[in-house]
Amino acid sequence: MRYWHQKVVDCFEAQGLMTTLGARLASVAEGEVHISLPSRPEICQQNGYVHAGALTTILDSACGFAALSVAPDDCDVLTVEFKVNLLRPALADHFVAIGKVRKAGRMLTVCTAEILATQDGKDVSIALMQATIANLSKTR
């Protein structure tokens, strides 16, 4: 297993919010990370849709972990900006956030992410994100 892969796995497992949400790391490739989230009443808003905060969290994390997979070995990453478009209500059994690196730079990495919702065996895009992730030297 490559160093960056284990770094992503370890960082994901250290985030208590992922456990609280019930999210899991579904796939890790260099420059692309998938985070899975089952729908549960505890993460839904008053109308029964999964809360936008939960969705934004897995989008942000998918982008961040994708950026971490290509970051220099001596760096951590930190989101410095993102924009989310919620395309439709989050009413499904299962969600997957797919984060992809679009441009990795020395200081900043630009990523995109999409959430696919699975309901009755069909995948539908329900949210999109563009994010800028900073590389932070661990020696600071």
N, C-alpha and C. Protein backbone atom coordinates (compact mmCIF):
# COMPACT_ATOMS: atom_id res chain seq x y z
N MET A 1 0.85 -1.18 0.00
CA MET A 1 0.00 0.00 0.00
C MET A 1 0.89 1.24 0.00
N ARG A 2 0.54 2.19 -0.81
CA ARG A 2 1.32 3.42 -0.90
C ARG A 2 1.11 4.29 0.32
N TYR A 3 2.11 5.11 0.62
CA TYR A 3 2.07 5.99 1.79
C TYR A 3 0.85 6.90 1.77
N TRP A 4 0.55 7.52 0.62
CA TRP A 4 -0.57 8.46 0.55
C TRP A 4 -1.89 7.77 0.84
N HIS A 5 -2.03 6.50 0.42
CA HIS A 5 -3.26 5.76 0.67
C HIS A 5 -3.48 5.59 2.17
N GLN A 6 -2.46 5.16 2.87
CA GLN A 6 -2.58 4.97 4.32
C GLN A 6 -2.80 6.29 5.03
N LYS A 7 -2.17 7.37 4.54
CA LYS A 7 -2.36 8.70 5.12
C LYS A 7 -3.83 9.11 5.03
N VAL A 8 -4.46 8.87 3.89
CA VAL A 8 -5.88 9.20 3.71
C VAL A 8 -6.74 8.35 4.65
N VAL A 9 -6.49 7.06 4.71
CA VAL A 9 -7.27 6.17 5.58
C VAL A 9 -7.13 6.59 7.04
N ASP A 10 -5.90 6.84 7.48
CA ASP A 10 -5.67 7.23 8.88
C ASP A 10 -6.36 8.55 9.22
N CYS A 11 -6.28 9.50 8.32
CA CYS A 11 -6.90 10.80 8.55
C CYS A 11 -8.42 10.67 8.60
N PHE A 12 -8.99 9.89 7.70
CA PHE A 12 -10.44 9.67 7.71
C PHE A 12 -10.87 9.05 9.04
N GLU A 13 -10.15 8.03 9.48
CA GLU A 13 -10.52 7.34 10.71
C GLU A 13 -10.36 8.22 11.94
N ALA A 14 -9.54 9.26 11.85
CA ALA A 14 -9.33 10.17 12.98
C ALA A 14 -10.42 11.23 13.09
N GLN A 15 -11.28 11.33 12.10
CA GLN A 15 -12.32 12.35 12.10
C GLN A 15 -13.59 11.82 12.75
N GLY A 16 -13.88 12.30 13.93
CA GLY A 16 -15.07 11.87 14.66
C GLY A 16 -16.37 12.19 13.95
N LEU A 17 -16.40 13.27 13.18
CA LEU A 17 -17.63 13.65 12.48
C LEU A 17 -18.05 12.60 11.46
N MET A 18 -17.09 11.96 10.83
CA MET A 18 -17.42 10.91 9.86
C MET A 18 -18.15 9.76 10.57
N THR A 19 -17.66 9.39 11.74
CA THR A 19 -18.31 8.34 12.54
C THR A 19 -19.69 8.78 12.97
N THR A 20 -19.81 10.02 13.44
CA THR A 20 -21.11 10.54 13.88
C THR A 20 -22.13 10.51 12.76
N LEU A 21 -21.72 10.87 11.55
CA LEU A 21 -22.62 10.86 10.41
C LEU A 21 -22.93 9.46 9.91
N GLY A 22 -22.07 8.50 10.20
CA GLY A 22 -22.22 7.15 9.66
C GLY A 22 -21.57 7.00 8.30
N ALA A 23 -20.67 7.92 7.96
CA ALA A 23 -19.98 7.88 6.67
C ALA A 23 -18.83 6.88 6.71
N ARG A 24 -18.51 6.35 5.54
CA ARG A 24 -17.35 5.46 5.44
C ARG A 24 -16.58 5.75 4.16
N LEU A 25 -15.32 5.44 4.22
CA LEU A 25 -14.44 5.61 3.07
C LEU A 25 -14.69 4.44 2.13
N ALA A 26 -15.26 4.71 0.96
CA ALA A 26 -15.66 3.65 0.04
C ALA A 26 -14.58 3.31 -0.97
N SER A 27 -13.79 4.32 -1.37
CA SER A 27 -12.76 4.10 -2.39
C SER A 27 -11.70 5.18 -2.26
N VAL A 28 -10.45 4.76 -2.40
CA VAL A 28 -9.33 5.71 -2.36
C VAL A 28 -8.40 5.40 -3.53
N ALA A 29 -8.27 6.36 -4.42
CA ALA A 29 -7.31 6.27 -5.52
C ALA A 29 -6.55 7.59 -5.53
N GLU A 30 -5.41 7.60 -6.17
CA GLU A 30 -4.64 8.84 -6.22
C GLU A 30 -5.44 9.89 -6.98
N GLY A 31 -5.79 10.97 -6.26
CA GLY A 31 -6.55 12.06 -6.87
C GLY A 31 -8.06 11.88 -6.87
N GLU A 32 -8.57 10.78 -6.30
CA GLU A 32 -10.02 10.55 -6.27
C GLU A 32 -10.40 9.74 -5.05
N VAL A 33 -11.40 10.26 -4.31
CA VAL A 33 -11.87 9.60 -3.10
C VAL A 33 -13.39 9.56 -3.11
N HIS A 34 -13.95 8.40 -2.70
CA HIS A 34 -15.39 8.23 -2.60
C HIS A 34 -15.75 8.03 -1.12
N ILE A 35 -16.75 8.78 -0.65
CA ILE A 35 -17.24 8.65 0.72
C ILE A 35 -18.72 8.28 0.65
N SER A 36 -19.07 7.19 1.34
CA SER A 36 -20.40 6.65 1.33
C SER A 36 -21.16 7.11 2.58
N LEU A 37 -22.45 7.41 2.41
CA LEU A 37 -23.29 7.84 3.53
C LEU A 37 -24.68 7.25 3.39
N PRO A 38 -25.08 6.36 4.31
CA PRO A 38 -26.46 5.87 4.27
C PRO A 38 -27.40 6.91 4.88
N SER A 39 -28.62 6.95 4.38
CA SER A 39 -29.62 7.85 4.95
C SER A 39 -30.07 7.27 6.29
N ARG A 40 -30.16 8.16 7.29
CA ARG A 40 -30.64 7.78 8.62
C ARG A 40 -31.45 8.95 9.17
N PRO A 41 -32.47 8.69 9.97
CA PRO A 41 -33.28 9.78 10.52
C PRO A 41 -32.45 10.81 11.30
N GLU A 42 -31.36 10.37 11.91
CA GLU A 42 -30.54 11.27 12.74
C GLU A 42 -29.83 12.36 11.93
N ILE A 43 -29.71 12.18 10.63
CA ILE A 43 -29.03 13.20 9.80
C ILE A 43 -29.99 13.90 8.85
N CYS A 44 -31.29 13.72 9.09
CA CYS A 44 -32.30 14.34 8.23
C CYS A 44 -32.84 15.63 8.84
N GLN A 45 -33.33 16.50 7.97
CA GLN A 45 -33.99 17.72 8.43
C GLN A 45 -35.48 17.46 8.59
N GLN A 46 -36.24 18.50 8.89
CA GLN A 46 -37.64 18.35 9.27
C GLN A 46 -38.55 17.77 8.18
N ASN A 47 -38.14 17.85 6.92
CA ASN A 47 -38.95 17.31 5.83
C ASN A 47 -38.55 15.89 5.42
N GLY A 48 -37.60 15.32 6.14
CA GLY A 48 -37.16 13.96 5.86
C GLY A 48 -36.01 13.84 4.88
N TYR A 49 -35.51 14.97 4.37
CA TYR A 49 -34.35 14.95 3.47
C TYR A 49 -33.08 14.93 4.31
N VAL A 50 -32.04 14.28 3.78
CA VAL A 50 -30.75 14.36 4.45
C VAL A 50 -30.34 15.83 4.47
N HIS A 51 -29.89 16.28 5.62
CA HIS A 51 -29.56 17.69 5.84
C HIS A 51 -28.41 18.14 4.94
N ALA A 52 -28.54 19.35 4.41
CA ALA A 52 -27.49 19.90 3.55
C ALA A 52 -26.15 19.97 4.26
N GLY A 53 -26.16 20.15 5.57
CA GLY A 53 -24.91 20.16 6.33
C GLY A 53 -24.19 18.83 6.26
N ALA A 54 -24.92 17.73 6.33
CA ALA A 54 -24.31 16.39 6.22
C ALA A 54 -23.76 16.18 4.82
N LEU A 55 -24.53 16.61 3.82
CA LEU A 55 -24.08 16.45 2.44
C LEU A 55 -22.83 17.29 2.16
N THR A 56 -22.85 18.53 2.63
CA THR A 56 -21.70 19.41 2.43
C THR A 56 -20.47 18.84 3.12
N THR A 57 -20.66 18.24 4.27
CA THR A 57 -19.55 17.64 5.00
C THR A 57 -18.88 16.53 4.20
N ILE A 58 -19.67 15.65 3.60
CA ILE A 58 -19.02 14.56 2.85
C ILE A 58 -18.45 15.06 1.52
N LEU A 59 -19.06 16.08 0.94
CA LEU A 59 -18.46 16.69 -0.26
C LEU A 59 -17.10 17.30 0.06
N ASP A 60 -17.06 18.11 1.13
CA ASP A 60 -15.81 18.76 1.56
C ASP A 60 -14.75 17.72 1.88
N SER A 61 -15.14 16.69 2.60
CA SER A 61 -14.17 15.65 2.97
C SER A 61 -13.66 14.88 1.76
N ALA A 62 -14.55 14.59 0.80
CA ALA A 62 -14.11 13.89 -0.41
C ALA A 62 -13.09 14.73 -1.17
N CYS A 63 -13.34 16.04 -1.26
CA CYS A 63 -12.36 16.93 -1.91
C CYS A 63 -11.05 16.96 -1.12
N GLY A 64 -11.16 17.13 0.18
CA GLY A 64 -9.96 17.22 1.03
C GLY A 64 -9.11 15.97 0.98
N PHE A 65 -9.74 14.81 1.05
CA PHE A 65 -8.97 13.57 1.01
C PHE A 65 -8.40 13.30 -0.37
N ALA A 66 -9.11 13.70 -1.43
CA ALA A 66 -8.54 13.59 -2.77
C ALA A 66 -7.29 14.46 -2.88
N ALA A 67 -7.37 15.68 -2.34
CA ALA A 67 -6.20 16.57 -2.34
C ALA A 67 -5.07 16.00 -1.49
N LEU A 68 -5.41 15.40 -0.36
CA LEU A 68 -4.38 14.80 0.51
C LEU A 68 -3.64 13.68 -0.21
N SER A 69 -4.34 12.96 -1.07
CA SER A 69 -3.71 11.84 -1.79
C SER A 69 -2.63 12.30 -2.76
N VAL A 70 -2.63 13.57 -3.15
CA VAL A 70 -1.60 14.07 -4.07
C VAL A 70 -0.71 15.12 -3.41
N ALA A 71 -0.96 15.42 -2.14
CA ALA A 71 -0.16 16.43 -1.43
C ALA A 71 1.25 15.91 -1.16
N PRO A 72 2.22 16.81 -1.04
CA PRO A 72 3.56 16.38 -0.65
C PRO A 72 3.52 15.62 0.67
N ASP A 73 4.43 14.67 0.85
CA ASP A 73 4.44 13.82 2.04
C ASP A 73 4.50 14.60 3.35
N ASP A 74 5.13 15.75 3.34
CA ASP A 74 5.30 16.51 4.58
C ASP A 74 4.17 17.52 4.80
N CYS A 75 3.05 17.35 4.10
CA CYS A 75 1.94 18.31 4.20
C CYS A 75 0.65 17.67 4.68
N ASP A 76 -0.11 18.46 5.41
CA ASP A 76 -1.52 18.21 5.68
C ASP A 76 -2.28 19.12 4.72
N VAL A 77 -3.60 18.98 4.70
CA VAL A 77 -4.41 19.84 3.83
C VAL A 77 -5.52 20.49 4.66
N LEU A 78 -5.98 21.63 4.15
CA LEU A 78 -7.04 22.37 4.81
C LEU A 78 -7.87 23.09 3.74
N THR A 79 -9.17 22.92 3.80
CA THR A 79 -10.05 23.61 2.86
C THR A 79 -10.01 25.11 3.13
N VAL A 80 -9.83 25.90 2.08
CA VAL A 80 -9.82 27.36 2.24
C VAL A 80 -11.02 28.01 1.56
N GLU A 81 -11.73 27.26 0.70
CA GLU A 81 -12.89 27.84 0.01
C GLU A 81 -13.66 26.72 -0.65
N PHE A 82 -15.00 26.84 -0.65
CA PHE A 82 -15.80 25.94 -1.47
C PHE A 82 -17.14 26.58 -1.82
N LYS A 83 -17.73 26.04 -2.88
CA LYS A 83 -19.07 26.43 -3.29
C LYS A 83 -19.85 25.16 -3.57
N VAL A 84 -21.09 25.15 -3.09
CA VAL A 84 -21.96 23.98 -3.27
C VAL A 84 -23.21 24.37 -4.03
N ASN A 85 -23.59 23.53 -4.97
CA ASN A 85 -24.90 23.63 -5.62
C ASN A 85 -25.70 22.40 -5.22
N LEU A 86 -26.83 22.63 -4.56
CA LEU A 86 -27.75 21.54 -4.21
C LEU A 86 -28.76 21.45 -5.35
N LEU A 87 -28.73 20.35 -6.08
CA LEU A 87 -29.49 20.21 -7.31
C LEU A 87 -30.92 19.71 -7.10
N ARG A 88 -31.11 18.92 -6.06
CA ARG A 88 -32.44 18.39 -5.75
C ARG A 88 -32.47 17.92 -4.31
N PRO A 89 -33.65 17.74 -3.73
CA PRO A 89 -33.74 17.29 -2.34
C PRO A 89 -33.06 15.93 -2.15
N ALA A 90 -32.44 15.76 -1.02
CA ALA A 90 -31.68 14.54 -0.71
C ALA A 90 -32.59 13.50 -0.08
N LEU A 91 -33.37 12.86 -0.92
CA LEU A 91 -34.29 11.82 -0.48
C LEU A 91 -33.90 10.54 -1.19
N ALA A 92 -33.14 9.71 -0.51
CA ALA A 92 -32.64 8.46 -1.09
C ALA A 92 -32.21 7.54 0.04
N ASP A 93 -31.89 6.31 -0.32
CA ASP A 93 -31.43 5.34 0.67
C ASP A 93 -29.95 5.50 0.97
N HIS A 94 -29.20 5.96 -0.03
CA HIS A 94 -27.74 5.95 0.08
C HIS A 94 -27.15 7.06 -0.78
N PHE A 95 -26.03 7.61 -0.31
CA PHE A 95 -25.36 8.70 -1.01
C PHE A 95 -23.87 8.39 -1.11
N VAL A 96 -23.25 8.81 -2.21
CA VAL A 96 -21.80 8.69 -2.37
C VAL A 96 -21.27 10.02 -2.87
N ALA A 97 -20.31 10.59 -2.13
CA ALA A 97 -19.61 11.79 -2.57
C ALA A 97 -18.33 11.35 -3.27
N ILE A 98 -18.14 11.84 -4.48
CA ILE A 98 -16.96 11.50 -5.27
C ILE A 98 -16.13 12.77 -5.45
N GLY A 99 -14.99 12.81 -4.79
CA GLY A 99 -14.10 13.96 -4.86
C GLY A 99 -12.95 13.69 -5.82
N LYS A 100 -12.66 14.69 -6.68
CA LYS A 100 -11.59 14.53 -7.67
C LYS A 100 -10.70 15.75 -7.70
N VAL A 101 -9.41 15.52 -7.80
CA VAL A 101 -8.45 16.60 -7.98
C VAL A 101 -8.51 17.03 -9.44
N ARG A 102 -8.65 18.33 -9.66
CA ARG A 102 -8.67 18.87 -11.02
C ARG A 102 -7.35 19.54 -11.37
N LYS A 103 -6.70 20.17 -10.36
CA LYS A 103 -5.40 20.82 -10.58
C LYS A 103 -4.67 20.86 -9.25
N ALA A 104 -3.57 20.16 -9.18
CA ALA A 104 -2.75 20.15 -7.96
C ALA A 104 -1.57 21.08 -8.15
N GLY A 105 -1.46 22.06 -7.28
CA GLY A 105 -0.35 22.99 -7.31
C GLY A 105 0.54 22.81 -6.10
N ARG A 106 1.57 23.63 -6.02
CA ARG A 106 2.50 23.55 -4.90
C ARG A 106 1.83 23.96 -3.59
N MET A 107 1.01 25.01 -3.64
CA MET A 107 0.35 25.54 -2.44
C MET A 107 -1.14 25.21 -2.38
N LEU A 108 -1.81 25.22 -3.53
CA LEU A 108 -3.26 25.04 -3.59
C LEU A 108 -3.63 23.93 -4.56
N THR A 109 -4.70 23.22 -4.22
CA THR A 109 -5.24 22.19 -5.09
C THR A 109 -6.72 22.49 -5.31
N VAL A 110 -7.15 22.44 -6.56
CA VAL A 110 -8.55 22.66 -6.89
C VAL A 110 -9.20 21.29 -7.13
N CYS A 111 -10.33 21.10 -6.45
CA CYS A 111 -11.06 19.83 -6.54
C CYS A 111 -12.52 20.08 -6.86
N THR A 112 -13.15 19.05 -7.40
CA THR A 112 -14.60 19.05 -7.55
C THR A 112 -15.14 17.79 -6.90
N ALA A 113 -16.41 17.85 -6.52
CA ALA A 113 -17.06 16.68 -5.96
C ALA A 113 -18.52 16.67 -6.39
N GLU A 114 -19.06 15.48 -6.43
CA GLU A 114 -20.46 15.27 -6.78
C GLU A 114 -21.03 14.25 -5.82
N ILE A 115 -22.29 14.43 -5.45
CA ILE A 115 -22.98 13.40 -4.67
C ILE A 115 -23.97 12.71 -5.57
N LEU A 116 -23.85 11.39 -5.62
CA LEU A 116 -24.83 10.55 -6.30
C LEU A 116 -25.72 9.93 -5.23
N ALA A 117 -27.03 10.05 -5.43
CA ALA A 117 -28.02 9.47 -4.52
C ALA A 117 -28.57 8.21 -5.18
N THR A 118 -28.66 7.13 -4.41
CA THR A 118 -29.19 5.88 -4.93
C THR A 118 -30.55 5.61 -4.31
N GLN A 119 -31.54 5.52 -5.17
CA GLN A 119 -32.90 5.21 -4.74
C GLN A 119 -33.50 4.24 -5.74
N ASP A 120 -33.97 3.11 -5.26
CA ASP A 120 -34.58 2.10 -6.13
C ASP A 120 -33.63 1.68 -7.25
N GLY A 121 -32.35 1.56 -6.92
CA GLY A 121 -31.36 1.09 -7.88
C GLY A 121 -30.87 2.10 -8.90
N LYS A 122 -31.34 3.34 -8.81
CA LYS A 122 -30.92 4.37 -9.76
C LYS A 122 -30.05 5.41 -9.07
N ASP A 123 -29.00 5.85 -9.76
CA ASP A 123 -28.13 6.93 -9.26
C ASP A 123 -28.52 8.25 -9.89
N VAL A 124 -28.68 9.28 -9.03
CA VAL A 124 -29.03 10.61 -9.49
C VAL A 124 -28.08 11.61 -8.85
N SER A 125 -27.57 12.56 -9.63
CA SER A 125 -26.71 13.60 -9.08
C SER A 125 -27.56 14.60 -8.31
N ILE A 126 -27.20 14.84 -7.03
CA ILE A 126 -28.00 15.77 -6.22
C ILE A 126 -27.23 16.98 -5.73
N ALA A 127 -25.89 16.95 -5.81
CA ALA A 127 -25.11 18.09 -5.33
C ALA A 127 -23.75 18.11 -6.01
N LEU A 128 -23.24 19.34 -6.20
CA LEU A 128 -21.92 19.55 -6.79
C LEU A 128 -21.14 20.53 -5.92
N MET A 129 -19.83 20.34 -5.85
CA MET A 129 -18.96 21.24 -5.10
C MET A 129 -17.71 21.54 -5.92
N GLN A 130 -17.22 22.76 -5.80
CA GLN A 130 -15.88 23.10 -6.23
C GLN A 130 -15.17 23.62 -4.99
N ALA A 131 -13.96 23.15 -4.76
CA ALA A 131 -13.24 23.52 -3.55
C ALA A 131 -11.78 23.82 -3.84
N THR A 132 -11.22 24.70 -3.03
CA THR A 132 -9.79 24.99 -3.06
C THR A 132 -9.21 24.51 -1.74
N ILE A 133 -8.17 23.70 -1.84
CA ILE A 133 -7.55 23.06 -0.69
C ILE A 133 -6.10 23.54 -0.60
N ALA A 134 -5.69 23.97 0.59
CA ALA A 134 -4.31 24.43 0.80
C ALA A 134 -3.45 23.29 1.34
N ASN A 135 -2.21 23.23 0.86
CA ASN A 135 -1.21 22.33 1.44
C ASN A 135 -0.56 23.06 2.62
N LEU A 136 -0.58 22.44 3.78
CA LEU A 136 0.03 23.02 4.97
C LEU A 136 1.21 22.18 5.42
N SER A 137 2.37 22.79 5.47
CA SER A 137 3.56 22.08 5.90
C SER A 137 3.42 21.65 7.34
N LYS A 138 3.76 20.41 7.64
CA LYS A 138 3.70 19.91 9.03
C LYS A 138 4.80 20.50 9.88
N THR A 139 5.79 21.12 9.26
CA THR A 139 6.94 21.66 10.01
C THR A 139 6.69 23.08 10.50
N ARG A 140 5.51 23.65 10.26
CA ARG A 140 5.20 25.02 10.68
C ARG A 140 5.21 25.14 12.16
